N, C-alpha and C. Protein backbone atom coordinates (compact mmCIF):
# COMPACT_ATOMS: atom_id res chain seq x y z
N MET A 1 5.25 7.51 -44.76
CA MET A 1 6.33 8.47 -44.60
C MET A 1 6.75 8.89 -46.45
N GLN A 2 6.50 7.91 -47.61
CA GLN A 2 7.18 7.89 -48.64
C GLN A 2 6.49 9.16 -49.52
N ASN A 3 5.20 8.89 -48.91
CA ASN A 3 4.28 10.32 -49.69
C ASN A 3 4.52 11.19 -49.05
N SER A 4 4.54 11.45 -47.72
CA SER A 4 4.92 13.03 -47.02
C SER A 4 6.45 13.47 -48.17
N ARG A 5 6.98 12.60 -47.97
CA ARG A 5 8.63 12.90 -48.97
C ARG A 5 8.36 13.77 -50.09
N ILE A 6 7.63 12.80 -51.17
CA ILE A 6 6.91 13.14 -52.38
C ILE A 6 6.59 14.39 -52.23
N SER A 7 5.43 14.91 -51.70
CA SER A 7 4.79 15.76 -51.11
C SER A 7 5.76 17.32 -51.17
N ILE A 8 6.63 17.00 -50.51
CA ILE A 8 7.69 17.96 -50.24
C ILE A 8 8.46 18.02 -51.38
N ILE A 9 9.35 17.01 -51.73
CA ILE A 9 9.95 17.59 -52.97
C ILE A 9 8.90 18.25 -54.03
N LEU A 10 7.50 17.56 -54.69
CA LEU A 10 6.95 18.56 -55.12
C LEU A 10 6.61 19.85 -55.09
N SER A 11 6.26 20.19 -53.91
CA SER A 11 6.47 21.31 -52.95
C SER A 11 7.83 22.43 -53.82
N ASN A 12 8.73 21.80 -53.61
CA ASN A 12 9.83 22.46 -53.95
C ASN A 12 10.12 22.49 -55.27
N ILE A 13 9.67 22.11 -56.54
CA ILE A 13 9.65 21.61 -57.81
C ILE A 13 8.71 23.07 -57.90
N LYS A 14 7.52 22.76 -57.66
CA LYS A 14 6.66 24.17 -57.44
C LYS A 14 6.90 25.59 -57.53
N SER A 15 7.62 25.37 -55.96
CA SER A 15 8.30 27.03 -55.90
C SER A 15 9.32 27.41 -56.95
N PHE A 16 10.06 26.47 -57.46
CA PHE A 16 11.22 26.25 -58.52
C PHE A 16 10.64 27.13 -59.05
N ILE A 17 9.47 26.59 -60.55
CA ILE A 17 9.04 26.96 -60.60
C ILE A 17 8.33 28.40 -60.79
N LYS A 18 7.28 28.32 -59.89
CA LYS A 18 6.94 29.47 -60.31
C LYS A 18 7.95 30.76 -59.85
N ASN A 19 8.63 30.71 -59.11
CA ASN A 19 9.96 31.54 -59.19
C ASN A 19 10.85 31.82 -60.10
N LYS A 20 11.19 30.99 -61.20
CA LYS A 20 11.90 31.24 -62.69
C LYS A 20 10.31 31.89 -63.24
N ILE A 21 9.26 31.73 -63.30
CA ILE A 21 7.88 32.40 -64.01
C ILE A 21 8.22 34.11 -63.35
N ASN A 22 7.73 33.68 -62.36
CA ASN A 22 7.85 35.34 -61.69
C ASN A 22 8.72 35.40 -60.69
N PRO A 23 10.21 35.65 -61.22
CA PRO A 23 10.92 36.39 -60.29
C PRO A 23 10.78 37.34 -59.47
N GLN A 24 9.94 38.18 -60.22
CA GLN A 24 9.57 39.43 -58.53
C GLN A 24 8.80 38.97 -57.24
N ALA A 25 8.41 38.14 -57.72
CA ALA A 25 7.42 37.28 -56.33
C ALA A 25 8.23 36.11 -55.63
N ALA A 26 9.45 36.14 -56.17
CA ALA A 26 10.44 35.25 -55.32
C ALA A 26 11.64 36.60 -54.49
N SER A 27 11.31 38.39 -54.75
CA SER A 27 12.07 38.92 -54.17
C SER A 27 11.18 39.10 -53.03
N VAL A 28 9.83 39.45 -52.75
CA VAL A 28 8.97 39.26 -52.10
C VAL A 28 8.89 38.67 -51.04
N PRO A 29 9.17 39.12 -49.34
CA PRO A 29 9.26 38.51 -48.64
C PRO A 29 7.86 37.87 -48.33
N HIS A 30 8.43 37.03 -47.64
CA HIS A 30 6.79 36.16 -47.23
C HIS A 30 7.01 35.07 -45.95
N GLU A 31 6.08 34.81 -45.11
CA GLU A 31 6.47 33.54 -44.13
C GLU A 31 6.40 32.68 -44.80
N VAL A 32 7.55 31.17 -44.88
CA VAL A 32 6.91 30.16 -44.90
C VAL A 32 6.83 29.92 -44.13
N ASP A 33 5.78 28.35 -44.25
CA ASP A 33 5.19 27.29 -43.42
C ASP A 33 6.32 26.27 -43.71
N PHE A 34 6.35 25.79 -42.09
CA PHE A 34 7.35 24.68 -42.42
C PHE A 34 6.47 23.31 -41.71
N SER A 35 5.38 23.78 -41.49
CA SER A 35 4.48 22.31 -40.41
C SER A 35 4.43 21.33 -41.12
N GLU A 36 4.71 21.24 -42.41
CA GLU A 36 4.47 19.97 -43.39
C GLU A 36 5.69 19.22 -43.13
N GLN A 37 6.86 19.57 -43.06
CA GLN A 37 8.53 19.39 -42.94
C GLN A 37 8.86 18.99 -41.35
N ARG A 38 7.85 19.77 -40.48
CA ARG A 38 8.25 19.79 -39.11
C ARG A 38 7.28 18.04 -39.34
N LYS A 39 6.17 17.44 -38.81
CA LYS A 39 5.43 17.01 -38.87
C LYS A 39 6.17 15.60 -39.77
N TYR A 40 6.67 15.77 -41.29
CA TYR A 40 7.35 14.76 -41.75
C TYR A 40 9.05 14.73 -40.62
N VAL A 41 9.63 15.06 -40.36
CA VAL A 41 10.60 15.01 -39.11
C VAL A 41 10.55 14.72 -38.33
N GLY A 42 9.48 15.14 -37.34
CA GLY A 42 8.78 13.92 -35.96
C GLY A 42 8.73 13.00 -36.52
N ASN A 43 8.07 12.40 -37.64
CA ASN A 43 7.53 10.91 -38.03
C ASN A 43 8.64 10.46 -38.06
N ILE A 44 10.49 10.88 -38.69
CA ILE A 44 11.35 10.41 -38.98
C ILE A 44 11.76 10.06 -37.52
N ILE A 45 11.71 10.32 -36.35
CA ILE A 45 12.92 10.68 -35.21
C ILE A 45 11.46 9.53 -34.25
N ILE A 46 10.17 9.29 -34.67
CA ILE A 46 9.40 8.51 -34.01
C ILE A 46 9.82 7.44 -34.58
N ALA A 47 9.85 7.34 -35.60
CA ALA A 47 10.85 5.81 -36.23
C ALA A 47 11.78 5.74 -35.82
N VAL A 48 12.87 6.50 -35.72
CA VAL A 48 14.23 6.25 -35.23
C VAL A 48 14.00 5.36 -33.95
N LEU A 49 13.15 5.62 -32.92
CA LEU A 49 13.32 5.69 -31.12
C LEU A 49 12.74 4.03 -31.46
N THR A 50 11.75 4.24 -32.09
CA THR A 50 10.81 2.73 -31.93
C THR A 50 11.46 1.94 -32.88
N GLU A 51 13.03 2.04 -33.48
CA GLU A 51 13.68 1.35 -34.34
C GLU A 51 13.28 0.79 -35.45
N ARG A 52 12.50 1.19 -35.88
CA ARG A 52 11.97 1.34 -37.14
C ARG A 52 13.21 1.20 -38.03
N ILE A 53 13.33 2.39 -38.16
CA ILE A 53 14.67 2.77 -38.81
C ILE A 53 15.79 3.01 -38.09
N SER A 54 16.91 3.07 -39.39
CA SER A 54 17.97 3.02 -38.19
C SER A 54 18.71 4.80 -38.21
N VAL A 55 19.47 5.07 -37.42
CA VAL A 55 19.88 6.47 -36.89
C VAL A 55 19.87 7.14 -38.30
N LYS A 56 20.91 6.26 -38.82
CA LYS A 56 21.62 7.26 -40.37
C LYS A 56 20.62 6.81 -41.53
N LYS A 57 19.60 6.11 -41.57
CA LYS A 57 18.40 6.23 -42.61
C LYS A 57 17.57 7.56 -42.47
N GLY A 58 17.36 7.73 -40.60
CA GLY A 58 17.01 9.03 -40.30
C GLY A 58 17.28 9.96 -40.85
N LEU A 59 18.55 10.00 -40.71
CA LEU A 59 19.33 11.66 -40.84
C LEU A 59 19.22 11.61 -42.48
N LEU A 60 19.52 10.56 -43.38
CA LEU A 60 19.32 10.95 -44.99
C LEU A 60 17.75 11.26 -45.30
N LEU A 61 16.80 10.76 -44.63
CA LEU A 61 15.38 10.78 -44.72
C LEU A 61 14.82 12.50 -44.28
N PHE A 62 15.69 13.23 -43.75
CA PHE A 62 16.02 14.56 -43.41
C PHE A 62 15.26 15.34 -44.71
N PRO A 63 14.86 16.43 -44.67
CA PRO A 63 14.64 16.96 -45.84
C PRO A 63 15.32 18.16 -46.12
N LYS A 64 16.24 17.81 -46.90
CA LYS A 64 17.45 18.60 -47.35
C LYS A 64 16.75 20.23 -48.47
N GLY A 65 18.01 21.16 -47.95
CA GLY A 65 17.00 22.37 -48.27
C GLY A 65 16.05 23.44 -47.57
N CYS A 66 16.01 22.63 -46.64
CA CYS A 66 14.69 23.68 -45.64
C CYS A 66 15.80 24.39 -44.42
N GLU A 67 15.10 25.68 -44.73
CA GLU A 67 16.25 26.84 -44.33
C GLU A 67 15.13 26.70 -42.82
N ASP A 68 14.22 25.85 -42.03
CA ASP A 68 13.87 25.99 -40.77
C ASP A 68 14.92 25.67 -39.33
N ALA A 69 15.00 26.56 -38.73
CA ALA A 69 16.08 26.86 -37.61
C ALA A 69 16.14 24.86 -36.75
N SER A 70 14.48 25.26 -36.49
CA SER A 70 13.73 24.12 -35.49
C SER A 70 14.34 22.64 -36.23
N ILE A 71 14.06 22.68 -37.43
CA ILE A 71 14.10 21.04 -38.00
C ILE A 71 16.14 20.82 -38.50
N HIS A 72 16.78 22.10 -38.26
CA HIS A 72 18.52 21.76 -38.11
C HIS A 72 18.58 21.62 -36.90
N ALA A 73 18.14 22.03 -35.74
CA ALA A 73 18.19 21.36 -34.62
C ALA A 73 17.96 20.06 -34.44
N ALA A 74 16.59 19.85 -34.73
CA ALA A 74 16.61 18.46 -34.62
C ALA A 74 17.17 17.59 -35.42
N TRP A 75 17.69 17.52 -36.19
CA TRP A 75 18.43 17.03 -37.28
C TRP A 75 20.43 16.75 -35.95
N HIS A 76 20.46 18.03 -35.53
CA HIS A 76 21.48 17.82 -35.06
C HIS A 76 21.68 16.97 -33.67
N ALA A 77 20.36 17.10 -33.14
CA ALA A 77 20.02 16.24 -31.76
C ALA A 77 19.98 15.27 -32.14
N LEU A 78 19.43 14.04 -33.42
CA LEU A 78 19.45 12.92 -33.99
C LEU A 78 21.15 12.44 -34.12
N CYS A 79 22.08 13.45 -34.53
CA CYS A 79 23.47 13.20 -35.12
C CYS A 79 24.39 13.21 -33.51
N HIS A 80 24.05 13.84 -32.55
CA HIS A 80 24.39 13.74 -31.36
C HIS A 80 24.21 12.74 -30.86
N TYR A 81 22.97 12.09 -30.64
CA TYR A 81 22.53 11.10 -30.35
C TYR A 81 23.10 9.64 -30.99
N GLU A 82 23.56 9.56 -32.65
CA GLU A 82 24.02 8.36 -32.65
C GLU A 82 25.38 8.80 -32.07
N ALA A 83 26.24 9.58 -32.49
CA ALA A 83 27.38 10.05 -31.92
C ALA A 83 27.75 9.60 -30.30
N ASP A 84 26.61 9.61 -29.20
CA ASP A 84 27.04 9.66 -28.22
C ASP A 84 26.76 8.28 -27.75
N GLU A 85 27.31 7.21 -28.36
CA GLU A 85 26.91 6.36 -28.55
C GLU A 85 27.87 5.38 -26.60
N ASP A 86 28.88 5.59 -27.27
CA ASP A 86 29.70 4.98 -26.28
C ASP A 86 29.48 5.63 -24.58
N ILE A 87 28.96 7.19 -24.29
CA ILE A 87 28.53 7.62 -23.36
C ILE A 87 27.35 7.38 -22.60
N LYS A 88 26.23 6.82 -23.92
CA LYS A 88 24.78 6.30 -23.66
C LYS A 88 25.39 5.15 -22.73
N ALA A 89 26.36 4.14 -22.94
CA ALA A 89 26.87 2.82 -22.63
C ALA A 89 26.83 3.13 -20.78
N LYS A 90 27.98 4.03 -21.21
CA LYS A 90 28.27 4.32 -19.87
C LYS A 90 27.39 4.93 -18.54
N SER A 91 26.25 6.00 -19.05
CA SER A 91 25.85 6.63 -18.30
C SER A 91 24.04 6.41 -18.41
N ILE A 92 23.30 5.93 -18.16
CA ILE A 92 21.97 5.46 -18.00
C ILE A 92 21.40 6.98 -18.08
N GLU A 93 21.99 7.30 -17.18
CA GLU A 93 21.05 9.29 -16.89
C GLU A 93 21.34 9.81 -18.66
N PHE A 94 22.21 10.01 -18.56
CA PHE A 94 22.65 10.35 -20.10
C PHE A 94 21.99 10.33 -21.56
N ASN A 95 21.69 9.16 -21.44
CA ASN A 95 20.71 8.49 -22.59
C ASN A 95 19.71 8.54 -22.47
N ASN A 96 18.90 8.37 -20.85
CA ASN A 96 17.43 9.17 -21.26
C ASN A 96 17.46 10.57 -21.65
N GLN A 97 18.01 11.39 -20.94
CA GLN A 97 17.97 12.47 -21.78
C GLN A 97 18.17 13.07 -22.63
N GLN A 98 19.12 12.27 -23.57
CA GLN A 98 18.60 12.33 -25.28
C GLN A 98 17.43 12.06 -25.48
N ILE A 99 16.88 10.64 -24.96
CA ILE A 99 16.10 10.17 -25.39
C ILE A 99 14.23 10.74 -25.36
N GLU A 100 14.60 11.72 -24.33
CA GLU A 100 13.58 12.90 -23.76
C GLU A 100 13.69 13.44 -24.53
N LEU A 101 14.65 14.36 -25.25
CA LEU A 101 14.91 15.53 -25.41
C LEU A 101 14.29 14.96 -26.85
N LEU A 102 14.39 13.95 -27.83
CA LEU A 102 14.19 13.61 -29.36
C LEU A 102 12.43 13.51 -29.09
N GLU A 103 12.17 12.36 -28.33
CA GLU A 103 10.46 12.12 -27.53
C GLU A 103 10.20 13.96 -27.73
N MET A 104 10.47 14.82 -26.90
CA MET A 104 10.14 16.06 -27.03
C MET A 104 10.62 16.23 -28.74
N ILE A 105 11.12 16.53 -28.85
CA ILE A 105 10.64 17.51 -30.86
C ILE A 105 10.19 16.56 -31.23
N ALA A 106 10.16 15.36 -31.43
CA ALA A 106 8.65 14.67 -32.02
C ALA A 106 8.10 15.34 -31.85
N PHE A 107 7.35 15.34 -30.40
CA PHE A 107 5.91 15.25 -30.44
C PHE A 107 5.94 16.84 -30.02
N THR A 108 6.65 17.81 -30.26
CA THR A 108 6.82 19.42 -30.92
C THR A 108 6.18 19.07 -32.39
N PHE A 109 6.60 18.88 -32.73
CA PHE A 109 7.08 18.03 -34.99
C PHE A 109 5.51 17.88 -34.91
N LYS A 110 5.03 16.77 -34.48
CA LYS A 110 3.83 16.12 -34.41
C LYS A 110 2.53 17.02 -35.23
N ASP A 111 2.44 18.60 -34.30
CA ASP A 111 1.55 19.34 -34.77
C ASP A 111 1.73 20.39 -35.02
N GLY A 112 3.34 20.25 -36.23
CA GLY A 112 3.79 21.58 -36.88
C GLY A 112 4.59 22.52 -36.39
N ASN A 113 4.30 22.38 -35.06
CA ASN A 113 4.96 23.82 -34.29
C ASN A 113 6.66 23.58 -34.11
N PRO A 114 7.42 25.15 -34.01
CA PRO A 114 8.30 24.78 -33.89
C PRO A 114 8.75 24.37 -32.62
N LEU A 115 10.20 24.53 -32.69
CA LEU A 115 10.83 24.30 -31.18
C LEU A 115 10.84 25.38 -30.59
N PRO A 116 11.46 25.31 -28.87
CA PRO A 116 11.98 26.53 -28.60
C PRO A 116 13.13 26.93 -28.88
N GLN A 117 13.21 28.36 -28.79
CA GLN A 117 14.21 28.98 -29.27
C GLN A 117 15.58 28.86 -28.33
N ASN A 118 15.34 28.07 -27.18
CA ASN A 118 16.31 27.50 -26.06
C ASN A 118 16.89 26.19 -26.61
N ILE A 119 16.14 25.68 -27.26
CA ILE A 119 17.12 24.56 -28.17
C ILE A 119 17.49 24.73 -29.64
N ILE A 120 16.90 25.99 -29.94
CA ILE A 120 17.68 26.42 -31.67
C ILE A 120 18.67 26.45 -31.12
N GLU A 121 19.25 27.21 -30.50
CA GLU A 121 20.13 27.93 -29.90
C GLU A 121 21.31 27.50 -29.51
N ALA A 122 20.83 26.16 -29.05
CA ALA A 122 22.11 25.68 -28.52
C ALA A 122 22.50 24.57 -29.35
N TYR A 123 21.98 24.45 -30.63
CA TYR A 123 23.00 23.66 -31.69
C TYR A 123 22.87 24.54 -32.89
N LYS A 124 22.81 25.86 -32.48
CA LYS A 124 23.64 26.54 -33.43
C LYS A 124 24.65 26.71 -34.22
N PRO A 125 25.62 26.33 -33.08
CA PRO A 125 26.94 26.56 -33.41
C PRO A 125 26.94 24.92 -34.46
N TYR A 126 26.63 24.43 -34.39
CA TYR A 126 27.12 23.18 -35.13
C TYR A 126 26.77 23.75 -36.61
N TYR A 127 25.78 24.68 -37.33
CA TYR A 127 24.90 25.24 -38.93
C TYR A 127 26.21 25.52 -39.16
N HIS A 128 26.95 25.74 -39.08
CA HIS A 128 28.15 25.93 -40.15
C HIS A 128 28.97 24.71 -40.87
N ASP A 129 28.79 23.58 -40.77
CA ASP A 129 29.13 22.20 -41.50
C ASP A 129 27.79 21.85 -41.51
N ASP A 130 26.62 22.33 -41.69
CA ASP A 130 25.45 21.82 -41.99
C ASP A 130 25.34 20.90 -43.04
N PRO A 131 24.96 19.53 -43.40
CA PRO A 131 25.07 19.41 -45.04
C PRO A 131 23.45 19.09 -45.35
N MET A 132 22.72 19.95 -44.86
CA MET A 132 21.43 19.66 -44.85
C MET A 132 20.96 20.67 -45.91
N PHE A 133 21.89 21.91 -46.76
CA PHE A 133 21.61 23.19 -47.44
C PHE A 133 22.24 22.41 -48.80
N TYR A 134 21.19 22.91 -49.55
CA TYR A 134 21.96 22.58 -51.12
C TYR A 134 21.87 24.34 -51.69
N GLU A 135 22.35 24.12 -52.76
CA GLU A 135 22.47 25.16 -53.41
C GLU A 135 21.04 26.00 -53.78
N SER A 136 20.85 26.99 -53.84
CA SER A 136 19.26 26.96 -54.43
C SER A 136 19.46 27.04 -56.26
N GLY A 137 18.54 27.52 -57.15
CA GLY A 137 18.18 26.73 -58.31
C GLY A 137 18.30 26.19 -58.88
N LEU A 138 18.95 25.13 -60.14
CA LEU A 138 18.66 24.81 -61.15
C LEU A 138 19.89 23.23 -60.26
N LYS A 139 20.68 23.81 -60.05
CA LYS A 139 22.11 22.85 -59.40
C LYS A 139 21.44 22.74 -58.34
N GLY A 140 20.32 23.24 -57.29
CA GLY A 140 20.19 23.12 -55.96
C GLY A 140 19.02 21.60 -56.43
N LEU A 141 18.06 22.07 -57.35
CA LEU A 141 17.07 20.93 -57.77
C LEU A 141 17.42 19.84 -57.89
N ILE A 142 18.58 20.13 -59.47
CA ILE A 142 18.63 18.62 -59.47
C ILE A 142 19.35 17.86 -58.48
N LYS A 143 20.53 18.25 -57.77
CA LYS A 143 20.77 17.90 -56.11
C LYS A 143 19.89 16.90 -55.40
N LYS A 144 18.89 17.50 -55.28
CA LYS A 144 17.60 17.43 -54.61
C LYS A 144 16.66 15.88 -55.20
N LEU A 145 16.44 15.86 -56.61
CA LEU A 145 15.84 14.75 -57.04
C LEU A 145 17.07 13.96 -56.92
N LEU A 146 18.25 13.94 -57.28
CA LEU A 146 19.13 12.59 -57.62
C LEU A 146 19.14 11.93 -56.34
N ARG A 147 18.80 12.53 -54.58
CA ARG A 147 19.03 12.47 -53.95
C ARG A 147 17.65 11.39 -53.39
N PHE A 148 16.72 11.60 -54.24
CA PHE A 148 15.32 11.12 -54.31
C PHE A 148 15.56 9.73 -55.14
N ILE A 149 15.78 10.13 -55.88
CA ILE A 149 15.79 8.82 -57.04
C ILE A 149 16.86 8.11 -56.02
N ASN A 150 17.81 8.17 -55.84
CA ASN A 150 19.11 7.11 -54.98
C ASN A 150 18.59 6.54 -53.93
N PHE A 151 17.10 6.32 -53.13
CA PHE A 151 16.63 5.82 -52.77
C PHE A 151 15.99 4.82 -53.25
């Protein structure tokens, strides 16, 4: 999991440097491939579900600054999984539904595919408070690096 995380950070640094050297290339819209980040997040969710890591650790491992709506929806689904502990203790059906949703997200991400639009839309109201975003530019790059060093 650590090697994948390093490759994502190096990719972010490379694109930042490329955009600073040739700012016109940054202004040209292009299709961004989030498949590697999705695969990485899929592994995180599986690690949480198999109790190899805690939910909190899993949330901290999510790639910051990623603008993929599928990854944001997965982040919020994992937050809800953690926050609904008391409800899950009372209702086995609710617990099973949350686990099934996380499994579906993980297996969709294992192939690098995006989530279905209805799942993305279900979590969209929570995006305004999303701590997954960092500013772009040098300040955002420094925050990403400091976050990486703290682990």
